[in-house]
Amino acid sequence: MKNGIGKEYDENDKLIFEGEYLNGEKYGKGREYYEGELIFEGEYKNNERWNGKRKEYDNDGILIFEGKYSNGKKSGKGIEFNGEDLIFEGEYLYNKKIKGKEYIKGKLEYEGEYLFNRKYNGKGYDENGNVIYELNNGNGKVKEYDKDNKLIFEGE
């Protein structure tokens, strides 16, 4: 029976798991691999990914999420990436965003609260950092700017 630190390999001798075992099951810290690339780092219990801090990677080994999980869902602080670009940093509850900042190509696009994973109370920004909309309980006011960064519309 597996107990302690060990490694598992597939039929092609590629590493698929390295970490801690207890009574023959993954239990404690571990790392999963796919086709030789790291895809997960975190805690295990009874052979399953478990609560706590974790890192998830795409099949090319690029970090796509770092944060906390509880009961198998993103819960607590976390950050998401698309390739090397940060796309969200904030807080989750049961896999849904509840508060944070969204980015597009490294620039802040939205900052505020979410309800059922949708923008709810906050501000949206254009590529120049201008506030282009403000939401209050899902309703909002919009501002539109021309190419010279002059305000050309403001309304609901």
N, C-alpha and C. Protein backbone atom coordinates (compact mmCIF):
# COMPACT_ATOMS: atom_id res chain seq x y z
N MET A 1 0.85 -1.17 0.00
CA MET A 1 0.00 0.00 0.00
C MET A 1 0.90 1.24 0.00
N LYS A 2 0.54 2.21 -0.86
CA LYS A 2 1.32 3.44 -0.97
C LYS A 2 1.12 4.30 0.27
N ASN A 3 2.23 4.72 0.88
CA ASN A 3 2.23 5.65 1.99
C ASN A 3 3.49 6.50 1.88
N GLY A 4 3.34 7.82 2.04
CA GLY A 4 4.50 8.71 1.93
C GLY A 4 4.51 9.39 0.58
N ILE A 5 5.69 9.80 0.16
CA ILE A 5 5.86 10.53 -1.10
C ILE A 5 6.17 9.54 -2.23
N GLY A 6 5.52 9.77 -3.40
CA GLY A 6 5.75 8.87 -4.52
C GLY A 6 5.40 9.52 -5.85
N LYS A 7 5.61 8.74 -6.93
CA LYS A 7 5.33 9.20 -8.28
C LYS A 7 4.58 8.12 -9.03
N GLU A 8 3.67 8.56 -9.92
CA GLU A 8 2.94 7.63 -10.80
C GLU A 8 3.27 7.96 -12.24
N TYR A 9 3.32 6.92 -13.07
CA TYR A 9 3.64 7.09 -14.48
C TYR A 9 2.57 6.39 -15.32
N ASP A 10 2.36 6.88 -16.55
CA ASP A 10 1.43 6.21 -17.45
C ASP A 10 2.13 5.07 -18.18
N GLU A 11 1.40 4.43 -19.10
CA GLU A 11 1.95 3.28 -19.82
C GLU A 11 3.12 3.64 -20.73
N ASN A 12 3.28 4.94 -21.03
CA ASN A 12 4.40 5.41 -21.85
C ASN A 12 5.53 5.97 -21.01
N ASP A 13 5.53 5.66 -19.73
CA ASP A 13 6.56 6.11 -18.78
C ASP A 13 6.60 7.63 -18.59
N LYS A 14 5.47 8.30 -18.84
CA LYS A 14 5.39 9.74 -18.58
C LYS A 14 4.82 9.95 -17.19
N LEU A 15 5.40 10.89 -16.47
CA LEU A 15 4.95 11.24 -15.13
C LEU A 15 3.53 11.79 -15.19
N ILE A 16 2.63 11.24 -14.36
CA ILE A 16 1.26 11.75 -14.31
C ILE A 16 0.91 12.31 -12.94
N PHE A 17 1.64 11.90 -11.89
CA PHE A 17 1.38 12.42 -10.55
C PHE A 17 2.63 12.27 -9.70
N GLU A 18 2.85 13.29 -8.87
CA GLU A 18 3.86 13.16 -7.83
C GLU A 18 3.33 13.85 -6.59
N GLY A 19 3.49 13.19 -5.47
CA GLY A 19 2.99 13.79 -4.24
C GLY A 19 2.88 12.79 -3.12
N GLU A 20 1.98 13.10 -2.19
CA GLU A 20 1.84 12.33 -0.97
C GLU A 20 0.70 11.33 -1.07
N TYR A 21 0.89 10.17 -0.43
CA TYR A 21 -0.10 9.10 -0.39
C TYR A 21 -0.35 8.71 1.05
N LEU A 22 -1.57 8.27 1.31
CA LEU A 22 -1.93 7.71 2.61
C LEU A 22 -2.88 6.55 2.36
N ASN A 23 -2.52 5.40 2.87
CA ASN A 23 -3.33 4.19 2.71
C ASN A 23 -3.67 3.92 1.24
N GLY A 24 -2.71 4.13 0.37
CA GLY A 24 -2.87 3.81 -1.04
C GLY A 24 -3.53 4.88 -1.88
N GLU A 25 -3.93 6.01 -1.27
CA GLU A 25 -4.62 7.07 -2.00
C GLU A 25 -3.84 8.38 -1.95
N LYS A 26 -4.05 9.22 -2.98
CA LYS A 26 -3.46 10.55 -2.98
C LYS A 26 -4.05 11.32 -1.79
N TYR A 27 -3.18 11.84 -0.95
CA TYR A 27 -3.64 12.50 0.26
C TYR A 27 -2.56 13.47 0.71
N GLY A 28 -2.85 14.78 0.61
CA GLY A 28 -1.84 15.79 0.94
C GLY A 28 -1.45 16.56 -0.31
N LYS A 29 -0.26 17.11 -0.30
CA LYS A 29 0.19 17.91 -1.44
C LYS A 29 0.57 17.02 -2.61
N GLY A 30 0.23 17.54 -3.83
CA GLY A 30 0.56 16.78 -5.01
C GLY A 30 0.53 17.63 -6.27
N ARG A 31 1.04 17.02 -7.34
CA ARG A 31 1.07 17.65 -8.66
C ARG A 31 0.62 16.64 -9.70
N GLU A 32 -0.22 17.11 -10.63
CA GLU A 32 -0.66 16.28 -11.75
C GLU A 32 -0.02 16.77 -13.04
N TYR A 33 0.22 15.85 -13.94
CA TYR A 33 0.83 16.16 -15.23
C TYR A 33 -0.01 15.56 -16.36
N TYR A 34 0.03 16.21 -17.51
CA TYR A 34 -0.61 15.70 -18.72
C TYR A 34 0.40 15.83 -19.85
N GLU A 35 0.72 14.70 -20.47
CA GLU A 35 1.70 14.69 -21.55
C GLU A 35 3.00 15.39 -21.14
N GLY A 36 3.39 15.20 -19.90
CA GLY A 36 4.64 15.76 -19.41
C GLY A 36 4.55 17.19 -18.91
N GLU A 37 3.40 17.84 -19.06
CA GLU A 37 3.23 19.23 -18.62
C GLU A 37 2.44 19.28 -17.31
N LEU A 38 2.89 20.12 -16.39
CA LEU A 38 2.20 20.31 -15.13
C LEU A 38 0.82 20.93 -15.39
N ILE A 39 -0.25 20.32 -14.84
CA ILE A 39 -1.59 20.88 -15.03
C ILE A 39 -2.27 21.23 -13.71
N PHE A 40 -1.73 20.77 -12.57
CA PHE A 40 -2.37 21.03 -11.29
C PHE A 40 -1.37 20.89 -10.15
N GLU A 41 -1.45 21.83 -9.20
CA GLU A 41 -0.70 21.74 -7.95
C GLU A 41 -1.66 22.07 -6.83
N GLY A 42 -1.72 21.21 -5.83
CA GLY A 42 -2.61 21.51 -4.72
C GLY A 42 -2.74 20.36 -3.76
N GLU A 43 -3.83 20.38 -3.02
CA GLU A 43 -4.10 19.38 -1.99
C GLU A 43 -5.03 18.29 -2.52
N TYR A 44 -4.82 17.09 -2.00
CA TYR A 44 -5.65 15.93 -2.34
C TYR A 44 -6.17 15.30 -1.06
N LYS A 45 -7.33 14.68 -1.19
CA LYS A 45 -7.89 13.88 -0.11
C LYS A 45 -8.65 12.74 -0.77
N ASN A 46 -8.38 11.53 -0.36
CA ASN A 46 -9.05 10.34 -0.90
C ASN A 46 -9.00 10.29 -2.43
N ASN A 47 -7.84 10.56 -2.99
CA ASN A 47 -7.59 10.53 -4.44
C ASN A 47 -8.21 11.68 -5.21
N GLU A 48 -8.85 12.62 -4.56
CA GLU A 48 -9.53 13.73 -5.22
C GLU A 48 -8.82 15.05 -4.92
N ARG A 49 -8.90 15.99 -5.88
CA ARG A 49 -8.44 17.34 -5.61
C ARG A 49 -9.28 17.89 -4.46
N TRP A 50 -8.62 18.63 -3.55
CA TRP A 50 -9.32 19.02 -2.34
C TRP A 50 -9.25 20.51 -2.11
N ASN A 51 -9.66 20.94 -0.94
CA ASN A 51 -9.72 22.34 -0.55
C ASN A 51 -8.33 22.95 -0.39
N GLY A 52 -8.32 24.28 -0.32
CA GLY A 52 -7.09 25.00 -0.06
C GLY A 52 -6.55 25.68 -1.30
N LYS A 53 -5.31 26.14 -1.19
CA LYS A 53 -4.67 26.83 -2.31
C LYS A 53 -4.33 25.84 -3.41
N ARG A 54 -4.47 26.32 -4.64
CA ARG A 54 -4.10 25.48 -5.77
C ARG A 54 -3.69 26.33 -6.95
N LYS A 55 -3.01 25.68 -7.88
CA LYS A 55 -2.66 26.29 -9.16
C LYS A 55 -3.11 25.33 -10.24
N GLU A 56 -3.74 25.89 -11.28
CA GLU A 56 -4.18 25.09 -12.42
C GLU A 56 -3.50 25.61 -13.67
N TYR A 57 -3.14 24.70 -14.55
CA TYR A 57 -2.42 25.03 -15.77
C TYR A 57 -3.15 24.45 -16.96
N ASP A 58 -2.97 25.07 -18.14
CA ASP A 58 -3.55 24.47 -19.35
C ASP A 58 -2.66 23.31 -19.79
N ASN A 59 -3.02 22.65 -20.87
CA ASN A 59 -2.28 21.47 -21.33
C ASN A 59 -0.88 21.79 -21.83
N ASP A 60 -0.55 23.07 -21.98
CA ASP A 60 0.80 23.47 -22.37
C ASP A 60 1.62 23.90 -21.16
N GLY A 61 1.07 23.74 -19.96
CA GLY A 61 1.81 24.09 -18.75
C GLY A 61 1.77 25.56 -18.39
N ILE A 62 0.84 26.32 -18.99
CA ILE A 62 0.73 27.76 -18.70
C ILE A 62 -0.30 27.97 -17.60
N LEU A 63 0.07 28.74 -16.58
CA LEU A 63 -0.80 29.00 -15.44
C LEU A 63 -2.08 29.69 -15.89
N ILE A 64 -3.25 29.14 -15.50
CA ILE A 64 -4.53 29.76 -15.84
C ILE A 64 -5.34 30.17 -14.60
N PHE A 65 -5.03 29.58 -13.43
CA PHE A 65 -5.73 29.96 -12.21
C PHE A 65 -4.83 29.68 -11.01
N GLU A 66 -4.86 30.64 -10.07
CA GLU A 66 -4.20 30.44 -8.79
C GLU A 66 -5.10 31.01 -7.71
N GLY A 67 -5.46 30.18 -6.76
CA GLY A 67 -6.34 30.66 -5.70
C GLY A 67 -6.82 29.56 -4.80
N LYS A 68 -7.90 29.84 -4.09
CA LYS A 68 -8.41 28.91 -3.09
C LYS A 68 -9.68 28.20 -3.58
N TYR A 69 -9.82 26.98 -3.11
CA TYR A 69 -11.01 26.16 -3.37
C TYR A 69 -11.59 25.70 -2.04
N SER A 70 -12.89 25.52 -2.04
CA SER A 70 -13.59 24.93 -0.91
C SER A 70 -14.73 24.09 -1.47
N ASN A 71 -14.85 22.88 -1.00
CA ASN A 71 -15.88 21.95 -1.48
C ASN A 71 -15.85 21.80 -3.00
N GLY A 72 -14.66 21.79 -3.56
CA GLY A 72 -14.49 21.57 -4.99
C GLY A 72 -14.80 22.78 -5.87
N LYS A 73 -14.97 23.95 -5.28
CA LYS A 73 -15.32 25.15 -6.04
C LYS A 73 -14.37 26.29 -5.67
N LYS A 74 -14.16 27.21 -6.63
CA LYS A 74 -13.38 28.40 -6.34
C LYS A 74 -14.10 29.19 -5.27
N SER A 75 -13.43 29.41 -4.16
CA SER A 75 -14.02 30.17 -3.05
C SER A 75 -12.89 30.88 -2.32
N GLY A 76 -12.97 32.20 -2.30
CA GLY A 76 -11.90 32.99 -1.71
C GLY A 76 -11.16 33.75 -2.79
N LYS A 77 -9.98 34.23 -2.45
CA LYS A 77 -9.19 35.02 -3.39
C LYS A 77 -8.59 34.16 -4.48
N GLY A 78 -8.56 34.73 -5.70
CA GLY A 78 -7.97 34.01 -6.81
C GLY A 78 -7.64 34.94 -7.96
N ILE A 79 -6.80 34.44 -8.86
CA ILE A 79 -6.45 35.18 -10.07
C ILE A 79 -6.52 34.23 -11.27
N GLU A 80 -6.99 34.78 -12.40
CA GLU A 80 -7.10 34.00 -13.64
C GLU A 80 -6.22 34.64 -14.71
N PHE A 81 -5.69 33.78 -15.56
CA PHE A 81 -4.84 34.23 -16.65
C PHE A 81 -5.35 33.64 -17.96
N ASN A 82 -5.05 34.36 -19.05
CA ASN A 82 -5.26 33.87 -20.41
C ASN A 82 -3.91 33.95 -21.07
N GLY A 83 -3.22 32.83 -21.11
CA GLY A 83 -1.83 32.89 -21.55
C GLY A 83 -1.04 33.60 -20.47
N GLU A 84 -0.31 34.62 -20.84
CA GLU A 84 0.46 35.37 -19.85
C GLU A 84 -0.27 36.61 -19.37
N ASP A 85 -1.48 36.86 -19.89
CA ASP A 85 -2.23 38.05 -19.51
C ASP A 85 -3.13 37.78 -18.31
N LEU A 86 -3.08 38.66 -17.33
CA LEU A 86 -3.99 38.63 -16.21
C LEU A 86 -5.36 39.04 -16.72
N ILE A 87 -6.40 38.25 -16.42
CA ILE A 87 -7.74 38.62 -16.88
C ILE A 87 -8.70 38.88 -15.72
N PHE A 88 -8.41 38.35 -14.53
CA PHE A 88 -9.27 38.62 -13.37
C PHE A 88 -8.48 38.42 -12.09
N GLU A 89 -8.71 39.33 -11.15
CA GLU A 89 -8.19 39.12 -9.80
C GLU A 89 -9.27 39.56 -8.84
N GLY A 90 -9.57 38.71 -7.87
CA GLY A 90 -10.62 39.07 -6.95
C GLY A 90 -11.05 37.91 -6.08
N GLU A 91 -12.34 37.91 -5.76
CA GLU A 91 -12.88 36.90 -4.86
C GLU A 91 -13.99 36.11 -5.54
N TYR A 92 -14.05 34.84 -5.17
CA TYR A 92 -15.04 33.91 -5.70
C TYR A 92 -15.84 33.31 -4.54
N LEU A 93 -17.03 32.87 -4.86
CA LEU A 93 -17.83 32.08 -3.94
C LEU A 93 -18.54 31.02 -4.76
N TYR A 94 -18.27 29.77 -4.49
CA TYR A 94 -18.85 28.64 -5.23
C TYR A 94 -18.70 28.80 -6.75
N ASN A 95 -17.49 29.08 -7.18
CA ASN A 95 -17.11 29.20 -8.61
C ASN A 95 -17.62 30.48 -9.27
N LYS A 96 -18.22 31.37 -8.54
CA LYS A 96 -18.74 32.61 -9.14
C LYS A 96 -17.96 33.81 -8.61
N LYS A 97 -17.69 34.75 -9.50
CA LYS A 97 -17.02 35.98 -9.09
C LYS A 97 -17.98 36.78 -8.22
N ILE A 98 -17.44 37.35 -7.12
CA ILE A 98 -18.29 38.20 -6.28
C ILE A 98 -17.73 39.62 -6.16
N LYS A 99 -16.42 39.78 -6.37
CA LYS A 99 -15.81 41.10 -6.28
C LYS A 99 -14.43 41.02 -6.91
N GLY A 100 -14.08 42.06 -7.70
CA GLY A 100 -12.75 42.04 -8.27
C GLY A 100 -12.55 42.98 -9.43
N LYS A 101 -11.47 42.70 -10.17
CA LYS A 101 -11.08 43.51 -11.31
C LYS A 101 -10.88 42.62 -12.52
N GLU A 102 -11.41 43.06 -13.67
CA GLU A 102 -11.20 42.36 -14.94
C GLU A 102 -10.27 43.19 -15.81
N TYR A 103 -9.44 42.50 -16.58
CA TYR A 103 -8.46 43.15 -17.44
C TYR A 103 -8.59 42.63 -18.86
N ILE A 104 -8.29 43.51 -19.81
CA ILE A 104 -8.17 43.12 -21.22
C ILE A 104 -6.82 43.64 -21.70
N LYS A 105 -5.99 42.71 -22.18
CA LYS A 105 -4.64 43.04 -22.66
C LYS A 105 -3.87 43.88 -21.64
N GLY A 106 -3.99 43.49 -20.37
CA GLY A 106 -3.23 44.14 -19.31
C GLY A 106 -3.81 45.44 -18.79
N LYS A 107 -4.94 45.89 -19.34
CA LYS A 107 -5.54 47.14 -18.89
C LYS A 107 -6.84 46.86 -18.15
N LEU A 108 -7.05 47.62 -17.08
CA LEU A 108 -8.26 47.47 -16.28
C LEU A 108 -9.48 47.77 -17.14
N GLU A 109 -10.44 46.82 -17.15
CA GLU A 109 -11.67 46.98 -17.93
C GLU A 109 -12.89 47.14 -17.03
N TYR A 110 -12.86 46.51 -15.84
CA TYR A 110 -13.98 46.61 -14.90
C TYR A 110 -13.46 46.41 -13.49
N GLU A 111 -14.08 47.14 -12.56
CA GLU A 111 -13.75 46.97 -11.15
C GLU A 111 -15.04 47.09 -10.36
N GLY A 112 -15.33 46.07 -9.55
CA GLY A 112 -16.54 46.15 -8.76
C GLY A 112 -17.04 44.82 -8.27
N GLU A 113 -18.34 44.75 -8.05
CA GLU A 113 -19.00 43.57 -7.53
C GLU A 113 -19.74 42.83 -8.64
N TYR A 114 -20.02 41.57 -8.36
CA TYR A 114 -20.74 40.70 -9.30
C TYR A 114 -21.92 40.07 -8.57
N LEU A 115 -22.94 39.77 -9.32
CA LEU A 115 -24.07 39.02 -8.81
C LEU A 115 -24.34 37.91 -9.81
N PHE A 116 -24.31 36.66 -9.36
CA PHE A 116 -24.44 35.50 -10.24
C PHE A 116 -23.46 35.57 -11.40
N ASN A 117 -22.23 35.99 -11.10
CA ASN A 117 -21.12 36.04 -12.06
C ASN A 117 -21.27 37.17 -13.08
N ARG A 118 -22.21 38.07 -12.89
CA ARG A 118 -22.41 39.20 -13.80
C ARG A 118 -22.05 40.49 -13.10
N LYS A 119 -21.52 41.43 -13.86
CA LYS A 119 -21.17 42.73 -13.32
C LYS A 119 -22.43 43.36 -12.72
N TYR A 120 -22.28 43.93 -11.50
CA TYR A 120 -23.47 44.40 -10.80
C TYR A 120 -23.30 45.81 -10.23
N ASN A 121 -22.31 46.02 -9.40
CA ASN A 121 -22.00 47.33 -8.82
C ASN A 121 -20.54 47.64 -9.10
N GLY A 122 -20.28 48.60 -9.97
CA GLY A 122 -18.88 48.90 -10.27
C GLY A 122 -18.73 49.86 -11.42
N LYS A 123 -17.49 49.94 -11.92
CA LYS A 123 -17.17 50.86 -13.01
C LYS A 123 -16.44 50.11 -14.12
N GLY A 124 -16.76 50.51 -15.36
CA GLY A 124 -16.07 49.99 -16.53
C GLY A 124 -15.20 51.07 -17.13
N TYR A 125 -14.08 50.66 -17.72
CA TYR A 125 -13.09 51.60 -18.24
C TYR A 125 -12.76 51.31 -19.70
N ASP A 126 -12.41 52.36 -20.44
CA ASP A 126 -11.91 52.16 -21.80
C ASP A 126 -10.39 52.00 -21.74
N GLU A 127 -9.77 51.84 -22.91
CA GLU A 127 -8.33 51.59 -22.96
C GLU A 127 -7.50 52.77 -22.47
N ASN A 128 -8.11 53.96 -22.38
CA ASN A 128 -7.41 55.14 -21.87
C ASN A 128 -7.62 55.37 -20.38
N GLY A 129 -8.36 54.48 -19.75
CA GLY A 129 -8.62 54.61 -18.32
C GLY A 129 -9.82 55.47 -17.98
N ASN A 130 -10.58 55.90 -19.00
CA ASN A 130 -11.80 56.68 -18.75
C ASN A 130 -12.91 55.77 -18.24
N VAL A 131 -13.68 56.25 -17.28
CA VAL A 131 -14.86 55.51 -16.83
C VAL A 131 -15.90 55.62 -17.94
N ILE A 132 -16.31 54.47 -18.49
CA ILE A 132 -17.28 54.50 -19.59
C ILE A 132 -18.66 54.00 -19.15
N TYR A 133 -18.73 53.35 -18.01
CA TYR A 133 -20.04 53.03 -17.44
C TYR A 133 -19.90 52.80 -15.95
N GLU A 134 -21.00 53.07 -15.28
CA GLU A 134 -21.10 52.83 -13.85
C GLU A 134 -22.37 52.05 -13.60
N LEU A 135 -22.24 50.98 -12.84
CA LEU A 135 -23.39 50.14 -12.53
C LEU A 135 -23.76 50.27 -11.06
N ASN A 136 -25.07 50.34 -10.83
CA ASN A 136 -25.59 50.34 -9.48
C ASN A 136 -26.76 49.37 -9.46
N ASN A 137 -26.57 48.24 -8.79
CA ASN A 137 -27.59 47.17 -8.76
C ASN A 137 -27.97 46.72 -10.16
N GLY A 138 -27.00 46.63 -11.05
CA GLY A 138 -27.22 46.13 -12.40
C GLY A 138 -27.67 47.17 -13.40
N ASN A 139 -28.04 48.36 -12.97
CA ASN A 139 -28.44 49.44 -13.86
C ASN A 139 -27.30 50.45 -13.91
N GLY A 140 -27.25 51.21 -15.00
CA GLY A 140 -26.13 52.12 -15.04
C GLY A 140 -26.21 53.26 -15.99
N LYS A 141 -25.16 54.06 -15.91
CA LYS A 141 -24.97 55.20 -16.78
C LYS A 141 -23.77 54.92 -17.66
N VAL A 142 -23.86 55.39 -18.90
CA VAL A 142 -22.82 55.13 -19.89
C VAL A 142 -22.22 56.43 -20.38
N LYS A 143 -20.92 56.39 -20.63
CA LYS A 143 -20.23 57.51 -21.26
C LYS A 143 -19.50 56.97 -22.48
N GLU A 144 -19.52 57.76 -23.56
CA GLU A 144 -18.83 57.35 -24.78
C GLU A 144 -17.89 58.48 -25.19
N TYR A 145 -16.68 58.09 -25.60
CA TYR A 145 -15.65 59.05 -25.98
C TYR A 145 -15.29 58.87 -27.45
N ASP A 146 -14.87 59.98 -28.10
CA ASP A 146 -14.41 59.88 -29.48
C ASP A 146 -12.92 59.51 -29.48
N LYS A 147 -12.35 59.43 -30.71
CA LYS A 147 -10.95 59.02 -30.83
C LYS A 147 -9.98 60.01 -30.21
N ASP A 148 -10.40 61.25 -29.97
CA ASP A 148 -9.56 62.25 -29.33
C ASP A 148 -9.79 62.31 -27.82
N ASN A 149 -10.52 61.30 -27.31
CA ASN A 149 -10.76 61.18 -25.88
C ASN A 149 -11.69 62.27 -25.34
N LYS A 150 -12.58 62.79 -26.21
CA LYS A 150 -13.55 63.79 -25.78
C LYS A 150 -14.89 63.10 -25.57
N LEU A 151 -15.57 63.47 -24.51
CA LEU A 151 -16.86 62.91 -24.20
C LEU A 151 -17.88 63.29 -25.28
N ILE A 152 -18.53 62.26 -25.87
CA ILE A 152 -19.51 62.56 -26.91
C ILE A 152 -20.92 62.10 -26.55
N PHE A 153 -21.05 61.25 -25.51
CA PHE A 153 -22.38 60.83 -25.07
C PHE A 153 -22.32 60.48 -23.59
N GLU A 154 -23.40 60.82 -22.90
CA GLU A 154 -23.57 60.42 -21.52
C GLU A 154 -25.04 60.17 -21.29
N GLY A 155 -25.38 59.00 -20.76
CA GLY A 155 -26.79 58.68 -20.55
C GLY A 155 -26.94 57.34 -19.84
N GLU A 156 -28.18 56.85 -19.82
CA GLU A 156 -28.46 55.59 -19.13
C GLU A 156 -28.49 54.42 -20.10
